[in-house]
């Protein structure tokens, strides 16, 4: 039996830890031995903690508990939770997961009684590595490449950091593509990164035409992106970048590049480049585009549209 407490913004690393725990489950009974719950109410939570695995061996339960830290359990409930945690079945592993949105600047309140209790059980924080701490990113990037059986030359590492930043989930996907592109060789070069990886520059070229209201060229750029990305993925990346651009436009006169880097997670060089390209773009236009994309994303994910590509195009060009 083990109880774990994973918290922080780096969803990629959290997912890797959970995948490690999944490997200990019987594959023949996986659907019965792996369960997830989203902030169950108190009575259900206690019932979950007292779960008894059946004949198929170990069981893994993941409890998304972030919302618990914005509410208050009374002293009696806290005591019951603590007792239940001390009496978890020996064949049951439980992960309390407080995954913070990587775009959210808020932190978990460490003064909460529940937080103090969970900190006693295999607690591990997974913070984002800021883009200005390039040495740490380089080290992690090289380790990720090694695990895939490939090597990155120095310029390739710099190109990935400049183009993608500290989004390790996206980096992981790009490394898989680079591995296939380089085969049968195992060395990844700067040119390969520029040819294969979608980058901030790709999206800037796309967005530049949108801002200039050149819909013809914007549509051509969108079609190019579709050759390497699913439309919902393009939308998601563009949403993230728009959020950062809005911050840059709103805060550039009062904050330094270093402060903006800490706030947005963008490399200082990319910030300088972004501000130059966004110089003549009104903040209201960026906000309106983000609202359009948010509406499109909701329609797509809720199944309200039949043509995903057309939905994204309408959001961008209307």
C-alpha atoms as a PDB file:
ATOM      1  CA  UNK A   1       0.000   0.000   0.000  1.00  0.00           C
ATOM      2  CA  UNK A   2       1.182   3.484  -0.846  1.00  0.00           C
ATOM      3  CA  UNK A   3      -0.438   6.884  -0.730  1.00  0.00           C
ATOM      4  CA  UNK A   4       0.988   9.606  -2.975  1.00  0.00           C
ATOM      5  CA  UNK A   5       0.454  13.339  -3.227  1.00  0.00           C
ATOM      6  CA  UNK A   6       1.446  14.893  -6.564  1.00  0.00           C
ATOM      7  CA  UNK A   7       0.948  18.614  -7.075  1.00  0.00           C
ATOM      8  CA  UNK A   8       2.179  21.407  -9.337  1.00  0.00           C
ATOM      9  CA  UNK A   9       1.918  22.796 -12.875  1.00  0.00           C
ATOM     10  CA  UNK A  10       4.102  20.388 -14.868  1.00  0.00           C
ATOM     11  CA  UNK A  11       1.427  17.997 -16.121  1.00  0.00           C
ATOM     12  CA  UNK A  12       3.912  16.094 -18.314  1.00  0.00           C
ATOM     13  CA  UNK A  13       6.031  14.951 -15.357  1.00  0.00           C
ATOM     14  CA  UNK A  14       2.960  14.140 -13.276  1.00  0.00           C
ATOM     15  CA  UNK A  15       1.646  11.932 -16.062  1.00  0.00           C
ATOM     16  CA  UNK A  16       4.981  10.086 -16.241  1.00  0.00           C
ATOM     17  CA  UNK A  17       4.820   9.320 -12.517  1.00  0.00           C
ATOM     18  CA  UNK A  18       1.284   7.957 -12.808  1.00  0.00           C
ATOM     19  CA  UNK A  19       2.294   5.857 -15.821  1.00  0.00           C
ATOM     20  CA  UNK A  20       5.035   4.277 -13.687  1.00  0.00           C
ATOM     21  CA  UNK A  21       2.428   3.272 -11.108  1.00  0.00           C
ATOM     22  CA  UNK A  22       0.154   1.861 -13.812  1.00  0.00           C
ATOM     23  CA  UNK A  23       2.886  -0.576 -14.840  1.00  0.00           C
ATOM     24  CA  UNK A  24       2.394  -2.393 -11.551  1.00  0.00           C
ATOM     25  CA  UNK A  25      -1.186  -3.321 -12.450  1.00  0.00           C
ATOM     26  CA  UNK A  26      -2.341  -6.558 -14.055  1.00  0.00           C
ATOM     27  CA  UNK A  27      -2.964  -5.750 -17.735  1.00  0.00           C
ATOM     28  CA  UNK A  28      -5.700  -8.380 -17.938  1.00  0.00           C
ATOM     29  CA  UNK A  29      -7.789  -6.532 -15.353  1.00  0.00           C
ATOM     30  CA  UNK A  30      -6.713  -2.960 -16.065  1.00  0.00           C
ATOM     31  CA  UNK A  31     -10.224  -1.505 -16.396  1.00  0.00           C
ATOM     32  CA  UNK A  32     -11.155  -2.824 -12.964  1.00  0.00           C
ATOM     33  CA  UNK A  33      -7.858  -2.036 -11.245  1.00  0.00           C
ATOM     34  CA  UNK A  34      -7.438   1.591 -12.355  1.00  0.00           C
ATOM     35  CA  UNK A  35      -9.979   4.229 -11.312  1.00  0.00           C
ATOM     36  CA  UNK A  36     -10.039   8.038 -11.359  1.00  0.00           C
ATOM     37  CA  UNK A  37     -12.280  10.407  -9.400  1.00  0.00           C
ATOM     38  CA  UNK A  38     -12.772  14.182  -9.567  1.00  0.00           C
ATOM     39  CA  UNK A  39     -13.028  15.685  -6.082  1.00  0.00           C
ATOM     40  CA  UNK A  40     -15.618  13.208  -4.736  1.00  0.00           C
ATOM     41  CA  UNK A  41     -17.795  14.436  -1.888  1.00  0.00           C
ATOM     42  CA  UNK A  42     -16.671  13.616   1.624  1.00  0.00           C
ATOM     43  CA  UNK A  43     -18.738  10.437   2.132  1.00  0.00           C
ATOM     44  CA  UNK A  44     -17.669   9.031  -1.252  1.00  0.00           C
ATOM     45  CA  UNK A  45     -14.047   9.983  -0.568  1.00  0.00           C
ATOM     46  CA  UNK A  46     -14.022   7.964   2.651  1.00  0.00           C
ATOM     47  CA  UNK A  47     -15.605   5.021   0.825  1.00  0.00           C
ATOM     48  CA  UNK A  48     -12.932   5.240  -1.900  1.00  0.00           C
ATOM     49  CA  UNK A  49     -10.108   5.287   0.656  1.00  0.00           C
ATOM     50  CA  UNK A  50     -11.543   2.140   2.222  1.00  0.00           C
ATOM     51  CA  UNK A  51     -11.806   0.306  -1.137  1.00  0.00           C
ATOM     52  CA  UNK A  52     -11.009  -3.391  -1.087  1.00  0.00           C
ATOM     53  CA  UNK A  53      -9.234  -4.686  -4.232  1.00  0.00           C
ATOM     54  CA  UNK A  54     -10.728  -7.841  -5.682  1.00  0.00           C
ATOM     55  CA  UNK A  55      -8.921 -10.977  -6.852  1.00  0.00           C
ATOM     56  CA  UNK A  56      -7.091  -9.219  -9.717  1.00  0.00           C
ATOM     57  CA  UNK A  57      -4.185  -7.981  -7.598  1.00  0.00           C
ATOM     58  CA  UNK A  58      -3.127  -4.377  -7.016  1.00  0.00           C
ATOM     59  CA  UNK A  59      -5.435  -1.453  -7.587  1.00  0.00           C
ATOM     60  CA  UNK A  60      -4.561   2.161  -8.404  1.00  0.00           C
ATOM     61  CA  UNK A  61      -6.902   5.051  -7.644  1.00  0.00           C
ATOM     62  CA  UNK A  62      -6.202   8.631  -8.740  1.00  0.00           C
ATOM     63  CA  UNK A  63      -8.181  11.347  -6.959  1.00  0.00           C
ATOM     64  CA  UNK A  64      -8.124  14.785  -8.584  1.00  0.00           C
ATOM     65  CA  UNK A  65      -8.188  16.872  -5.425  1.00  0.00           C
ATOM     66  CA  UNK A  66      -7.283  20.441  -6.457  1.00  0.00           C
ATOM     67  CA  UNK A  67     -10.727  21.809  -5.578  1.00  0.00           C
ATOM     68  CA  UNK A  68     -10.379  20.438  -2.035  1.00  0.00           C
ATOM     69  CA  UNK A  69      -7.915  23.235  -1.296  1.00  0.00           C
ATOM     70  CA  UNK A  70     -10.466  25.932  -2.050  1.00  0.00           C
ATOM     71  CA  UNK A  71     -12.974  24.501   0.450  1.00  0.00           C
ATOM     72  CA  UNK A  72     -12.823  23.685   4.127  1.00  0.00           C
ATOM     73  CA  UNK A  73     -13.212  20.249   5.716  1.00  0.00           C
ATOM     74  CA  UNK A  74     -14.289  20.428   9.345  1.00  0.00           C
ATOM     75  CA  UNK A  75     -12.119  18.902  12.075  1.00  0.00           C
ATOM     76  CA  UNK A  76     -14.206  15.729  12.264  1.00  0.00           C
ATOM     77  CA  UNK A  77     -13.930  15.162   8.493  1.00  0.00           C
ATOM     78  CA  UNK A  78     -10.185  15.792   8.554  1.00  0.00           C
ATOM     79  CA  UNK A  79      -9.828  13.220  11.343  1.00  0.00           C
ATOM     80  CA  UNK A  80     -11.803  10.631   9.381  1.00  0.00           C
ATOM     81  CA  UNK A  81      -9.713  11.255   6.263  1.00  0.00           C
ATOM     82  CA  UNK A  82      -6.521  10.857   8.292  1.00  0.00           C
ATOM     83  CA  UNK A  83      -7.749   7.606   9.851  1.00  0.00           C
ATOM     84  CA  UNK A  84      -8.805   6.227   6.463  1.00  0.00           C
ATOM     85  CA  UNK A  85      -5.380   7.054   4.979  1.00  0.00           C
ATOM     86  CA  UNK A  86      -3.673   5.187   7.816  1.00  0.00           C
ATOM     87  CA  UNK A  87      -5.793   2.127   7.106  1.00  0.00           C
ATOM     88  CA  UNK A  88      -5.578   1.843   3.292  1.00  0.00           C
ATOM     89  CA  UNK A  89      -5.595  -1.749   1.992  1.00  0.00           C
ATOM     90  CA  UNK A  90      -2.124  -3.205   1.344  1.00  0.00           C
ATOM     91  CA  UNK A  91      -2.974  -3.883  -2.314  1.00  0.00           C
ATOM     92  CA  UNK A  92      -4.254  -0.390  -2.974  1.00  0.00           C
ATOM     93  CA  UNK A  93      -2.232   2.597  -4.214  1.00  0.00           C
ATOM     94  CA  UNK A  94      -3.887   6.006  -3.995  1.00  0.00           C
ATOM     95  CA  UNK A  95      -2.685   9.168  -5.723  1.00  0.00           C
ATOM     96  CA  UNK A  96      -4.021  12.531  -4.606  1.00  0.00           C
ATOM     97  CA  UNK A  97      -3.471  14.756  -7.625  1.00  0.00           C
ATOM     98  CA  UNK A  98      -3.574  18.563  -7.409  1.00  0.00           C
ATOM     99  CA  UNK A  99      -2.627  19.559 -10.934  1.00  0.00           C
ATOM    100  CA  UNK A 100      -2.502  23.326 -11.378  1.00  0.00           C
ATOM    101  CA  UNK A 101      -3.125  24.861 -14.789  1.00  0.00           C
ATOM    102  CA  UNK A 102       0.269  25.858 -16.204  1.00  0.00           C
ATOM    103  CA  UNK A 103      -1.235  29.252 -17.073  1.00  0.00           C
ATOM    104  CA  UNK A 104      -2.468  29.848 -13.532  1.00  0.00           C
ATOM    105  CA  UNK A 105      -0.253  31.909 -11.240  1.00  0.00           C
ATOM    106  CA  UNK A 106      -2.033  30.691  -8.090  1.00  0.00           C
ATOM    107  CA  UNK A 107      -0.417  28.220  -5.687  1.00  0.00           C
ATOM    108  CA  UNK A 108      -1.925  25.680  -3.325  1.00  0.00           C
ATOM    109  CA  UNK A 109      -2.454  27.010   0.178  1.00  0.00           C
ATOM    110  CA  UNK A 110       0.039  25.040   2.276  1.00  0.00           C
ATOM    111  CA  UNK A 111      -1.717  26.127   5.460  1.00  0.00           C
ATOM    112  CA  UNK A 112      -4.701  23.869   4.753  1.00  0.00           C
ATOM    113  CA  UNK A 113      -4.985  20.914   7.147  1.00  0.00           C
ATOM    114  CA  UNK A 114      -5.509  18.496   4.259  1.00  0.00           C
ATOM    115  CA  UNK A 115      -2.331  19.721   2.567  1.00  0.00           C
ATOM    116  CA  UNK A 116      -0.322  19.167   5.755  1.00  0.00           C
ATOM    117  CA  UNK A 117      -1.708  15.636   6.069  1.00  0.00           C
ATOM    118  CA  UNK A 118      -1.033  14.686   2.438  1.00  0.00           C
ATOM    119  CA  UNK A 119       2.507  16.086   2.646  1.00  0.00           C
ATOM    120  CA  UNK A 120       3.284  13.117   4.908  1.00  0.00           C
ATOM    121  CA  UNK A 121       2.534  10.622   2.122  1.00  0.00           C
ATOM    122  CA  UNK A 122       5.094  10.415  -0.711  1.00  0.00           C
ATOM    123  CA  UNK A 123       4.484  14.060  -1.567  1.00  0.00           C
ATOM    124  CA  UNK A 124       6.191  15.471  -4.639  1.00  0.00           C
ATOM    125  CA  UNK A 125       5.848  18.885  -6.245  1.00  0.00           C
ATOM    126  CA  UNK A 126       6.096  19.216 -10.023  1.00  0.00           C
ATOM    127  CA  UNK A 127       6.790  22.893 -10.777  1.00  0.00           C
ATOM    128  CA  UNK A 128       7.364  24.353 -14.224  1.00  0.00           C
ATOM    129  CA  UNK A 129      10.941  25.092 -15.188  1.00  0.00           C
ATOM    130  CA  UNK A 130      10.978  28.799 -16.157  1.00  0.00           C
ATOM    131  CA  UNK A 131      12.265  29.402 -19.688  1.00  0.00           C
ATOM    132  CA  UNK A 132      15.033  31.656 -18.392  1.00  0.00           C
ATOM    133  CA  UNK A 133      16.573  28.651 -16.552  1.00  0.00           C
ATOM    134  CA  UNK A 134      17.890  27.268 -19.818  1.00  0.00           C
ATOM    135  CA  UNK A 135      20.527  25.004 -18.234  1.00  0.00           C
ATOM    136  CA  UNK A 136      17.798  22.996 -16.452  1.00  0.00           C
ATOM    137  CA  UNK A 137      15.716  22.761 -19.614  1.00  0.00           C
ATOM    138  CA  UNK A 138      18.756  21.629 -21.620  1.00  0.00           C
ATOM    139  CA  UNK A 139      19.520  18.911 -19.070  1.00  0.00           C
ATOM    140  CA  UNK A 140      15.959  17.614 -19.078  1.00  0.00           C
ATOM    141  CA  UNK A 141      15.723  17.836 -22.862  1.00  0.00           C
ATOM    142  CA  UNK A 142      18.884  15.771 -23.305  1.00  0.00           C
ATOM    143  CA  UNK A 143      17.539  13.169 -20.876  1.00  0.00           C
ATOM    144  CA  UNK A 144      14.254  12.947 -22.796  1.00  0.00           C
ATOM    145  CA  UNK A 145      16.120  12.505 -26.081  1.00  0.00           C
ATOM    146  CA  UNK A 146      18.342   9.786 -24.590  1.00  0.00           C
ATOM    147  CA  UNK A 147      15.272   7.850 -23.420  1.00  0.00           C
ATOM    148  CA  UNK A 148      14.109   7.785 -27.054  1.00  0.00           C
ATOM    149  CA  UNK A 149      17.487   6.615 -28.360  1.00  0.00           C
ATOM    150  CA  UNK A 150      18.445   9.887 -30.055  1.00  0.00           C
ATOM    151  CA  UNK A 151      20.989  12.645 -29.487  1.00  0.00           C
ATOM    152  CA  UNK A 152      20.645  16.399 -29.921  1.00  0.00           C
ATOM    153  CA  UNK A 153      23.522  18.554 -31.040  1.00  0.00           C
ATOM    154  CA  UNK A 154      23.986  21.871 -29.216  1.00  0.00           C
ATOM    155  CA  UNK A 155      22.307  23.979 -31.884  1.00  0.00           C
ATOM    156  CA  UNK A 156      19.335  21.592 -32.014  1.00  0.00           C
ATOM    157  CA  UNK A 157      18.846  21.964 -28.256  1.00  0.00           C
ATOM    158  CA  UNK A 158      18.904  25.756 -28.550  1.00  0.00           C
ATOM    159  CA  UNK A 159      16.477  25.667 -31.478  1.00  0.00           C
ATOM    160  CA  UNK A 160      13.971  23.531 -29.558  1.00  0.00           C
ATOM    161  CA  UNK A 161      14.102  25.808 -26.517  1.00  0.00           C
ATOM    162  CA  UNK A 162      13.729  28.932 -28.658  1.00  0.00           C
ATOM    163  CA  UNK A 163      10.856  27.517 -30.711  1.00  0.00           C
ATOM    164  CA  UNK A 164       8.935  25.557 -28.085  1.00  0.00           C
ATOM    165  CA  UNK A 165      10.091  26.884 -24.725  1.00  0.00           C
ATOM    166  CA  UNK A 166       9.361  24.824 -21.597  1.00  0.00           C
ATOM    167  CA  UNK A 167       6.329  22.875 -22.844  1.00  0.00           C
ATOM    168  CA  UNK A 168       7.714  19.368 -22.330  1.00  0.00           C
ATOM    169  CA  UNK A 169       4.548  17.633 -23.487  1.00  0.00           C
ATOM    170  CA  UNK A 170       4.910  19.313 -26.877  1.00  0.00           C
ATOM    171  CA  UNK A 171       8.659  18.707 -26.844  1.00  0.00           C
ATOM    172  CA  UNK A 172       8.040  14.995 -26.251  1.00  0.00           C
ATOM    173  CA  UNK A 173       5.812  14.831 -29.345  1.00  0.00           C
ATOM    174  CA  UNK A 174       8.335  16.748 -31.431  1.00  0.00           C
ATOM    175  CA  UNK A 175      11.159  14.411 -30.377  1.00  0.00           C
ATOM    176  CA  UNK A 176       9.117  11.437 -31.615  1.00  0.00           C
ATOM    177  CA  UNK A 177       8.700  13.142 -35.000  1.00  0.00           C
ATOM    178  CA  UNK A 178      12.391  14.075 -35.125  1.00  0.00           C
ATOM    179  CA  UNK A 179      13.384  10.485 -34.378  1.00  0.00           C
ATOM    180  CA  UNK A 180      11.375   9.242 -37.368  1.00  0.00           C
ATOM    181  CA  UNK A 181      12.704  12.049 -39.561  1.00  0.00           C
ATOM    182  CA  UNK A 182      16.356  11.291 -38.683  1.00  0.00           C
ATOM    183  CA  UNK A 183      16.101   7.498 -39.055  1.00  0.00           C
ATOM    184  CA  UNK A 184      18.323   5.525 -39.567  1.00  0.00           C
ATOM    185  CA  UNK A 185      20.619   8.121 -37.980  1.00  0.00           C
ATOM    186  CA  UNK A 186      20.241   9.038 -34.315  1.00  0.00           C
ATOM    187  CA  UNK A 187      21.635  12.592 -34.352  1.00  0.00           C
ATOM    188  CA  UNK A 188      19.161  15.510 -34.421  1.00  0.00           C
ATOM    189  CA  UNK A 189      20.415  18.752 -35.975  1.00  0.00           C
ATOM    190  CA  UNK A 190      19.228  22.355 -35.915  1.00  0.00           C
ATOM    191  CA  UNK A 191      17.993  22.116 -39.524  1.00  0.00           C
ATOM    192  CA  UNK A 192      15.847  19.097 -38.629  1.00  0.00           C
ATOM    193  CA  UNK A 193      14.228  21.029 -35.788  1.00  0.00           C
ATOM    194  CA  UNK A 194      13.471  23.980 -38.055  1.00  0.00           C
ATOM    195  CA  UNK A 195      12.052  21.716 -40.772  1.00  0.00           C
ATOM    196  CA  UNK A 196       9.922  19.478 -38.568  1.00  0.00           C
ATOM    197  CA  UNK A 197       8.880  21.245 -35.380  1.00  0.00           C
ATOM    198  CA  UNK A 198       5.978  23.658 -35.294  1.00  0.00           C
ATOM    199  CA  UNK A 199       7.239  26.818 -33.677  1.00  0.00           C
ATOM    200  CA  UNK A 200       6.233  30.166 -32.355  1.00  0.00           C
ATOM    201  CA  UNK A 201       7.512  31.571 -35.642  1.00  0.00           C
ATOM    202  CA  UNK A 202       5.117  29.365 -37.636  1.00  0.00           C
ATOM    203  CA  UNK A 203       2.211  30.730 -35.639  1.00  0.00           C
ATOM    204  CA  UNK A 204       3.512  34.276 -35.794  1.00  0.00           C
ATOM    205  CA  UNK A 205       3.577  34.117 -39.589  1.00  0.00           C
ATOM    206  CA  UNK A 206       0.030  32.829 -39.477  1.00  0.00           C
ATOM    207  CA  UNK A 207      -1.112  35.457 -36.976  1.00  0.00           C
ATOM    208  CA  UNK A 208       0.686  38.311 -38.783  1.00  0.00           C
ATOM    209  CA  UNK A 209      -1.545  37.814 -41.804  1.00  0.00           C
ATOM    210  CA  UNK A 210      -4.628  37.650 -39.591  1.00  0.00           C
ATOM    211  CA  UNK A 211      -3.735  40.936 -37.901  1.00  0.00           C
ATOM    212  CA  UNK A 212      -3.112  42.552 -41.293  1.00  0.00           C
ATOM    213  CA  UNK A 213      -6.519  41.243 -42.382  1.00  0.00           C
ATOM    214  CA  UNK A 214      -4.851  39.399 -45.271  1.00  0.00           C
ATOM    215  CA  UNK A 215      -7.224  36.465 -45.150  1.00  0.00           C
ATOM    216  CA  UNK A 216      -5.920  34.833 -48.317  1.00  0.00           C
ATOM    217  CA  UNK A 217      -2.358  34.422 -47.028  1.00  0.00           C
ATOM    218  CA  UNK A 218      -3.603  33.601 -43.528  1.00  0.00           C
ATOM    219  CA  UNK A 219      -5.653  30.758 -44.958  1.00  0.00           C
ATOM    220  CA  UNK A 220      -2.610  29.433 -46.839  1.00  0.00           C
ATOM    221  CA  UNK A 221      -0.558  29.470 -43.618  1.00  0.00           C
ATOM    222  CA  UNK A 222      -3.360  27.683 -41.773  1.00  0.00           C
ATOM    223  CA  UNK A 223      -3.398  24.973 -44.449  1.00  0.00           C
ATOM    224  CA  UNK A 224       0.359  24.536 -44.075  1.00  0.00           C
ATOM    225  CA  UNK A 225      -0.038  24.046 -40.339  1.00  0.00           C
ATOM    226  CA  UNK A 226      -2.727  21.418 -40.973  1.00  0.00           C
ATOM    227  CA  UNK A 227      -0.090  19.290 -42.712  1.00  0.00           C
ATOM    228  CA  UNK A 228       1.683  18.783 -39.384  1.00  0.00           C
ATOM    229  CA  UNK A 229      -1.014  19.460 -36.777  1.00  0.00           C
ATOM    230  CA  UNK A 230      -4.581  18.491 -35.964  1.00  0.00           C
ATOM    231  CA  UNK A 231      -6.810  21.632 -36.120  1.00  0.00           C
ATOM    232  CA  UNK A 232      -7.777  21.407 -32.433  1.00  0.00           C
ATOM    233  CA  UNK A 233      -4.089  21.253 -31.536  1.00  0.00           C
ATOM    234  CA  UNK A 234      -3.384  24.368 -33.637  1.00  0.00           C
ATOM    235  CA  UNK A 235      -6.257  26.093 -31.871  1.00  0.00           C
ATOM    236  CA  UNK A 236      -4.949  25.083 -28.452  1.00  0.00           C
ATOM    237  CA  UNK A 237      -1.416  26.322 -29.180  1.00  0.00           C
ATOM    238  CA  UNK A 238      -2.737  29.560 -30.637  1.00  0.00           C
ATOM    239  CA  UNK A 239      -4.940  30.053 -27.556  1.00  0.00           C
ATOM    240  CA  UNK A 240      -1.919  29.714 -25.286  1.00  0.00           C
ATOM    241  CA  UNK A 241       0.118  32.123 -27.385  1.00  0.00           C
ATOM    242  CA  UNK A 242      -2.712  34.654 -27.533  1.00  0.00           C
ATOM    243  CA  UNK A 243      -2.917  34.651 -23.750  1.00  0.00           C
ATOM    244  CA  UNK A 244       0.791  35.441 -23.626  1.00  0.00           C
ATOM    245  CA  UNK A 245       0.546  38.112 -26.337  1.00  0.00           C
ATOM    246  CA  UNK A 246      -2.290  39.786 -24.429  1.00  0.00           C
ATOM    247  CA  UNK A 247      -0.117  39.882 -21.309  1.00  0.00           C
ATOM    248  CA  UNK A 248       2.788  41.330 -23.319  1.00  0.00           C
ATOM    249  CA  UNK A 249       0.610  44.058 -24.854  1.00  0.00           C
ATOM    250  CA  UNK A 250      -0.964  44.927 -21.519  1.00  0.00           C
ATOM    251  CA  UNK A 251       2.176  44.810 -19.355  1.00  0.00           C
ATOM    252  CA  UNK A 252       5.129  45.634 -21.643  1.00  0.00           C
ATOM    253  CA  UNK A 253       5.274  49.303 -20.594  1.00  0.00           C
ATOM    254  CA  UNK A 254       5.423  48.555 -16.884  1.00  0.00           C
ATOM    255  CA  UNK A 255       7.477  45.335 -16.715  1.00  0.00           C
ATOM    256  CA  UNK A 256      10.984  44.417 -17.896  1.00  0.00           C
ATOM    257  CA  UNK A 257      11.687  41.564 -20.328  1.00  0.00           C
ATOM    258  CA  UNK A 258      12.920  39.468 -17.411  1.00  0.00           C
ATOM    259  CA  UNK A 259       9.702  40.075 -15.462  1.00  0.00           C
ATOM    260  CA  UNK A 260       7.613  39.322 -18.551  1.00  0.00           C
ATOM    261  CA  UNK A 261       9.573  36.101 -19.009  1.00  0.00           C
ATOM    262  CA  UNK A 262       8.719  34.993 -15.472  1.00  0.00           C
ATOM    263  CA  UNK A 263       5.070  35.907 -16.006  1.00  0.00           C
ATOM    264  CA  UNK A 264       4.574  34.249 -19.400  1.00  0.00           C
ATOM    265  CA  UNK A 265       7.155  31.468 -19.408  1.00  0.00           C
ATOM    266  CA  UNK A 266       8.570  32.839 -22.684  1.00  0.00           C
ATOM    267  CA  UNK A 267      12.262  33.218 -23.466  1.00  0.00           C
ATOM    268  CA  UNK A 268      13.401  36.867 -23.322  1.00  0.00           C
ATOM    269  CA  UNK A 269      14.538  36.732 -26.952  1.00  0.00           C
ATOM    270  CA  UNK A 270      11.086  35.513 -28.016  1.00  0.00           C
ATOM    271  CA  UNK A 271       9.473  38.290 -25.953  1.00  0.00           C
ATOM    272  CA  UNK A 272      11.514  40.953 -27.756  1.00  0.00           C
ATOM    273  CA  UNK A 273      10.610  39.455 -31.128  1.00  0.00           C
ATOM    274  CA  UNK A 274       6.940  39.151 -30.183  1.00  0.00           C
ATOM    275  CA  UNK A 275       6.651  42.758 -29.044  1.00  0.00           C
ATOM    276  CA  UNK A 276       8.111  43.987 -32.318  1.00  0.00           C
ATOM    277  CA  UNK A 277       5.614  41.992 -34.355  1.00  0.00           C
ATOM    278  CA  UNK A 278       2.701  43.000 -32.145  1.00  0.00           C
ATOM    279  CA  UNK A 279       3.630  46.675 -32.149  1.00  0.00           C
ATOM    280  CA  UNK A 280       0.755  47.784 -34.420  1.00  0.00           C
ATOM    281  CA  UNK A 281      -1.771  45.208 -33.226  1.00  0.00           C
ATOM    282  CA  UNK A 282      -4.505  46.598 -30.926  1.00  0.00           C
ATOM    283  CA  UNK A 283      -5.002  44.767 -27.645  1.00  0.00           C
ATOM    284  CA  UNK A 284      -8.758  44.659 -28.311  1.00  0.00           C
ATOM    285  CA  UNK A 285      -8.148  42.716 -31.509  1.00  0.00           C
ATOM    286  CA  UNK A 286      -6.152  40.058 -29.663  1.00  0.00           C
ATOM    287  CA  UNK A 287      -8.835  39.756 -26.983  1.00  0.00           C
ATOM    288  CA  UNK A 288     -11.603  39.420 -29.590  1.00  0.00           C
ATOM    289  CA  UNK A 289      -9.698  36.684 -31.440  1.00  0.00           C
ATOM    290  CA  UNK A 290      -9.137  34.775 -28.211  1.00  0.00           C
ATOM    291  CA  UNK A 291     -12.849  34.952 -27.423  1.00  0.00           C
ATOM    292  CA  UNK A 292     -13.682  33.604 -30.891  1.00  0.00           C
ATOM    293  CA  UNK A 293     -11.261  30.709 -30.460  1.00  0.00           C
ATOM    294  CA  UNK A 294     -12.631  29.908 -27.002  1.00  0.00           C
ATOM    295  CA  UNK A 295     -16.153  29.662 -28.446  1.00  0.00           C
ATOM    296  CA  UNK A 296     -14.897  27.439 -31.271  1.00  0.00           C
ATOM    297  CA  UNK A 297     -13.054  25.165 -28.858  1.00  0.00           C
ATOM    298  CA  UNK A 298     -16.197  24.747 -26.751  1.00  0.00           C
ATOM    299  CA  UNK A 299     -18.298  23.843 -29.814  1.00  0.00           C
ATOM    300  CA  UNK A 300     -15.721  21.309 -31.001  1.00  0.00           C
ATOM    301  CA  UNK A 301     -15.267  19.603 -27.633  1.00  0.00           C
ATOM    302  CA  UNK A 302     -19.015  19.533 -26.936  1.00  0.00           C
ATOM    303  CA  UNK A 303     -19.745  17.969 -30.327  1.00  0.00           C
ATOM    304  CA  UNK A 304     -21.721  20.943 -31.644  1.00  0.00           C
ATOM    305  CA  UNK A 305     -19.833  21.174 -34.949  1.00  0.00           C
ATOM    306  CA  UNK A 306     -19.476  18.715 -37.821  1.00  0.00           C
ATOM    307  CA  UNK A 307     -16.470  20.259 -39.579  1.00  0.00           C
ATOM    308  CA  UNK A 308     -13.654  21.029 -37.142  1.00  0.00           C
ATOM    309  CA  UNK A 309     -11.390  22.714 -39.687  1.00  0.00           C
ATOM    310  CA  UNK A 310     -14.223  24.988 -40.822  1.00  0.00           C
ATOM    311  CA  UNK A 311     -15.091  25.868 -37.225  1.00  0.00           C
ATOM    312  CA  UNK A 312     -11.517  26.954 -36.529  1.00  0.00           C
ATOM    313  CA  UNK A 313     -11.372  28.915 -39.778  1.00  0.00           C
ATOM    314  CA  UNK A 314     -14.629  30.726 -38.978  1.00  0.00           C
ATOM    315  CA  UNK A 315     -13.330  31.650 -35.511  1.00  0.00           C
ATOM    316  CA  UNK A 316     -10.126  33.070 -36.957  1.00  0.00           C
ATOM    317  CA  UNK A 317     -11.467  34.903 -39.968  1.00  0.00           C
ATOM    318  CA  UNK A 318     -14.805  36.299 -38.836  1.00  0.00           C
END
